[in-house]
Amino acid sequence: MKSVDVVAGILWRGGRFLAVERPQGRPRAGFWEFPGGKIEQGETPEQALARELKEELGVDVRDFCFWRSVEHAYEDLAVRLRFFHVTGFAGEPQGLEGHRLAWLRCDEALRLRFLEADRPLVADLATITF
């Protein structure tokens, strides 16, 4: 089974966090997740986070901190995810890669279909405020 290292940013604004819906034509389309992507060879997780959020959302990361790591095996892919809280960024997030965006409270997020690897974190976000 293929294994990848991934970063994900939990962007915060006014007590809500940003979630993105995976676009049609991609694996696991229609599921919600935190924005981010694969760590490229030679990148640190922090560099990958900044690059991915710029490519995917058009924002420049300013203030962030590592939160936790999660490992998850899907049927076709094993992922090692590193999640970061992003409390400062420049620019207005846009779905540059076809993603639908939503600023959510935790109770709203719990009603959406999040990727399996992200679901436990969504519930844990209820205990965090930024």
C-alpha atoms as a PDB file:
ATOM      1  CA  MET A   1       0.000   0.000   0.000  1.00  0.00           C
ATOM      2  CA  LYS A   2       1.269   3.447  -0.901  1.00  0.00           C
ATOM      3  CA  SER A   3       2.091   5.741   2.022  1.00  0.00           C
ATOM      4  CA  VAL A   4       2.248   9.561   1.969  1.00  0.00           C
ATOM      5  CA  ASP A   5       3.147  12.316   4.414  1.00  0.00           C
ATOM      6  CA  VAL A   6       0.613  15.121   4.470  1.00  0.00           C
ATOM      7  CA  VAL A   7       0.151  18.482   6.193  1.00  0.00           C
ATOM      8  CA  ALA A   8      -3.184  20.106   6.958  1.00  0.00           C
ATOM      9  CA  GLY A   9      -3.977  23.593   8.177  1.00  0.00           C
ATOM     10  CA  ILE A  10      -6.861  24.441  10.449  1.00  0.00           C
ATOM     11  CA  LEU A  11      -7.403  28.111   9.646  1.00  0.00           C
ATOM     12  CA  TRP A  12      -9.257  30.063  12.325  1.00  0.00           C
ATOM     13  CA  ARG A  13     -11.339  33.229  12.005  1.00  0.00           C
ATOM     14  CA  GLY A  14     -13.840  34.551  14.536  1.00  0.00           C
ATOM     15  CA  GLY A  15     -14.286  31.233  16.364  1.00  0.00           C
ATOM     16  CA  ARG A  16     -14.822  29.301  13.124  1.00  0.00           C
ATOM     17  CA  PHE A  17     -12.429  27.112  11.165  1.00  0.00           C
ATOM     18  CA  LEU A  18     -12.113  26.609   7.437  1.00  0.00           C
ATOM     19  CA  ALA A  19     -13.053  23.311   5.816  1.00  0.00           C
ATOM     20  CA  VAL A  20     -12.862  22.378   2.139  1.00  0.00           C
ATOM     21  CA  GLU A  21     -14.919  19.886   0.173  1.00  0.00           C
ATOM     22  CA  ARG A  22     -12.983  17.586  -2.140  1.00  0.00           C
ATOM     23  CA  PRO A  23     -13.997  18.348  -5.741  1.00  0.00           C
ATOM     24  CA  GLN A  24     -15.493  15.895  -8.220  1.00  0.00           C
ATOM     25  CA  GLY A  25     -12.947  13.859 -10.141  1.00  0.00           C
ATOM     26  CA  ARG A  26     -10.639  13.436  -7.145  1.00  0.00           C
ATOM     27  CA  PRO A  27     -10.384  10.450  -4.814  1.00  0.00           C
ATOM     28  CA  ARG A  28     -12.913  10.725  -1.983  1.00  0.00           C
ATOM     29  CA  ALA A  29     -14.793  13.505  -3.790  1.00  0.00           C
ATOM     30  CA  GLY A  30     -17.605  15.078  -1.800  1.00  0.00           C
ATOM     31  CA  PHE A  31     -15.937  14.561   1.569  1.00  0.00           C
ATOM     32  CA  TRP A  32     -14.871  17.515   3.691  1.00  0.00           C
ATOM     33  CA  GLU A  33     -11.339  17.953   5.012  1.00  0.00           C
ATOM     34  CA  PHE A  34      -8.853  20.487   6.276  1.00  0.00           C
ATOM     35  CA  PRO A  35      -6.856  22.177   3.495  1.00  0.00           C
ATOM     36  CA  GLY A  36      -3.333  20.980   2.812  1.00  0.00           C
ATOM     37  CA  GLY A  37      -1.493  18.324   0.888  1.00  0.00           C
ATOM     38  CA  LYS A  38       1.560  16.162   0.417  1.00  0.00           C
ATOM     39  CA  ILE A  39       4.973  17.024   1.780  1.00  0.00           C
ATOM     40  CA  GLU A  40       7.390  17.101  -1.137  1.00  0.00           C
ATOM     41  CA  GLN A  41      10.875  15.645  -0.929  1.00  0.00           C
ATOM     42  CA  GLY A  42      13.251  18.042   0.810  1.00  0.00           C
ATOM     43  CA  GLU A  43      10.470  20.092   2.429  1.00  0.00           C
ATOM     44  CA  THR A  44       9.853  20.479   6.116  1.00  0.00           C
ATOM     45  CA  PRO A  45       6.233  20.114   7.223  1.00  0.00           C
ATOM     46  CA  GLU A  46       6.140  23.863   7.867  1.00  0.00           C
ATOM     47  CA  GLN A  47       7.362  24.640   4.333  1.00  0.00           C
ATOM     48  CA  ALA A  48       4.818  22.217   2.876  1.00  0.00           C
ATOM     49  CA  LEU A  49       2.031  23.852   4.883  1.00  0.00           C
ATOM     50  CA  ALA A  50       2.909  27.309   3.562  1.00  0.00           C
ATOM     51  CA  ARG A  51       3.210  26.046  -0.032  1.00  0.00           C
ATOM     52  CA  GLU A  52       0.014  23.990   0.026  1.00  0.00           C
ATOM     53  CA  LEU A  53      -2.119  26.758   1.530  1.00  0.00           C
ATOM     54  CA  LYS A  54      -0.776  29.221  -1.028  1.00  0.00           C
ATOM     55  CA  GLU A  55      -1.494  26.822  -3.919  1.00  0.00           C
ATOM     56  CA  GLU A  56      -4.874  25.616  -2.682  1.00  0.00           C
ATOM     57  CA  LEU A  57      -6.298  28.758  -1.058  1.00  0.00           C
ATOM     58  CA  GLY A  58      -4.121  31.668  -2.191  1.00  0.00           C
ATOM     59  CA  VAL A  59      -3.174  32.666   1.374  1.00  0.00           C
ATOM     60  CA  ASP A  60       0.181  33.370   2.976  1.00  0.00           C
ATOM     61  CA  VAL A  61       0.598  31.696   6.356  1.00  0.00           C
ATOM     62  CA  ARG A  62       1.763  34.053   9.112  1.00  0.00           C
ATOM     63  CA  ASP A  63       1.084  32.484  12.520  1.00  0.00           C
ATOM     64  CA  PHE A  64       0.715  28.755  13.053  1.00  0.00           C
ATOM     65  CA  CYS A  65       1.548  26.015  15.531  1.00  0.00           C
ATOM     66  CA  PHE A  66       1.756  22.252  15.289  1.00  0.00           C
ATOM     67  CA  TRP A  67      -1.216  20.499  16.921  1.00  0.00           C
ATOM     68  CA  ARG A  68      -0.951  16.742  16.388  1.00  0.00           C
ATOM     69  CA  SER A  69      -0.094  13.862  14.067  1.00  0.00           C
ATOM     70  CA  VAL A  70      -2.503  11.185  12.895  1.00  0.00           C
ATOM     71  CA  GLU A  71      -1.935   7.994  10.923  1.00  0.00           C
ATOM     72  CA  HIS A  72      -4.787   6.482   8.952  1.00  0.00           C
ATOM     73  CA  ALA A  73      -5.094   3.673   6.402  1.00  0.00           C
ATOM     74  CA  TYR A  74      -7.695   3.972   3.670  1.00  0.00           C
ATOM     75  CA  GLU A  75      -8.312   1.005   1.359  1.00  0.00           C
ATOM     76  CA  ASP A  76      -5.801   2.279  -1.185  1.00  0.00           C
ATOM     77  CA  LEU A  77      -3.564   4.649   0.757  1.00  0.00           C
ATOM     78  CA  ALA A  78      -1.890   5.093   4.134  1.00  0.00           C
ATOM     79  CA  VAL A  79      -1.491   8.693   5.278  1.00  0.00           C
ATOM     80  CA  ARG A  80       0.603  10.293   7.975  1.00  0.00           C
ATOM     81  CA  LEU A  81      -0.975  13.683   8.657  1.00  0.00           C
ATOM     82  CA  ARG A  82       0.468  16.611  10.573  1.00  0.00           C
ATOM     83  CA  PHE A  83      -2.174  19.134  11.644  1.00  0.00           C
ATOM     84  CA  PHE A  84      -1.368  22.781  12.320  1.00  0.00           C
ATOM     85  CA  HIS A  85      -3.557  25.518  13.799  1.00  0.00           C
ATOM     86  CA  VAL A  86      -3.248  28.596  11.580  1.00  0.00           C
ATOM     87  CA  THR A  87      -4.250  31.729  13.466  1.00  0.00           C
ATOM     88  CA  GLY A  88      -2.725  34.322  11.160  1.00  0.00           C
ATOM     89  CA  PHE A  89      -2.698  34.491   7.376  1.00  0.00           C
ATOM     90  CA  ALA A  90      -2.732  37.122   4.642  1.00  0.00           C
ATOM     91  CA  GLY A  91      -5.260  37.007   1.833  1.00  0.00           C
ATOM     92  CA  GLU A  92      -8.835  35.822   1.512  1.00  0.00           C
ATOM     93  CA  PRO A  93      -9.094  32.026   1.108  1.00  0.00           C
ATOM     94  CA  GLN A  94     -10.361  30.924  -2.302  1.00  0.00           C
ATOM     95  CA  GLY A  95     -10.926  27.455  -3.758  1.00  0.00           C
ATOM     96  CA  LEU A  96      -8.139  27.690  -6.340  1.00  0.00           C
ATOM     97  CA  GLU A  97      -8.217  23.947  -7.040  1.00  0.00           C
ATOM     98  CA  GLY A  98     -11.993  23.609  -7.323  1.00  0.00           C
ATOM     99  CA  HIS A  99     -12.722  23.117  -3.628  1.00  0.00           C
ATOM    100  CA  ARG A 100     -15.874  24.460  -2.029  1.00  0.00           C
ATOM    101  CA  LEU A 101     -15.034  26.353   1.187  1.00  0.00           C
ATOM    102  CA  ALA A 102     -16.963  26.800   4.428  1.00  0.00           C
ATOM    103  CA  TRP A 103     -16.203  28.591   7.703  1.00  0.00           C
ATOM    104  CA  LEU A 104     -17.688  26.309  10.358  1.00  0.00           C
ATOM    105  CA  ARG A 105     -18.412  26.102  14.045  1.00  0.00           C
ATOM    106  CA  CYS A 106     -17.694  22.696  15.534  1.00  0.00           C
ATOM    107  CA  ASP A 107     -21.373  21.805  15.838  1.00  0.00           C
ATOM    108  CA  GLU A 108     -21.865  22.575  12.138  1.00  0.00           C
ATOM    109  CA  ALA A 109     -18.804  20.558  11.147  1.00  0.00           C
ATOM    110  CA  LEU A 110     -20.018  17.483  13.019  1.00  0.00           C
ATOM    111  CA  ARG A 111     -22.982  17.303  10.619  1.00  0.00           C
ATOM    112  CA  LEU A 112     -20.765  17.154   7.510  1.00  0.00           C
ATOM    113  CA  ARG A 113     -19.094  14.106   5.936  1.00  0.00           C
ATOM    114  CA  PHE A 114     -15.447  14.602   6.880  1.00  0.00           C
ATOM    115  CA  LEU A 115     -12.728  12.221   5.740  1.00  0.00           C
ATOM    116  CA  GLU A 116     -12.220   9.333   8.145  1.00  0.00           C
ATOM    117  CA  ALA A 117      -8.780  10.564   9.201  1.00  0.00           C
ATOM    118  CA  ASP A 118     -10.182  14.010  10.073  1.00  0.00           C
ATOM    119  CA  ARG A 119     -13.391  13.013  11.905  1.00  0.00           C
ATOM    120  CA  PRO A 120     -11.881  12.538  15.390  1.00  0.00           C
ATOM    121  CA  LEU A 121     -10.172  15.918  15.159  1.00  0.00           C
ATOM    122  CA  VAL A 122     -13.398  17.717  14.288  1.00  0.00           C
ATOM    123  CA  ALA A 123     -14.913  16.620  17.602  1.00  0.00           C
ATOM    124  CA  ASP A 124     -11.763  17.636  19.493  1.00  0.00           C
ATOM    125  CA  LEU A 125     -11.907  21.155  18.024  1.00  0.00           C
ATOM    126  CA  ALA A 126     -14.933  21.862  20.215  1.00  0.00           C
ATOM    127  CA  THR A 127     -12.551  22.203  23.169  1.00  0.00           C
ATOM    128  CA  ILE A 128     -10.307  24.760  21.412  1.00  0.00           C
ATOM    129  CA  THR A 129     -10.881  28.463  20.926  1.00  0.00           C
ATOM    130  CA  PHE A 130      -8.873  30.912  18.857  1.00  0.00           C
END
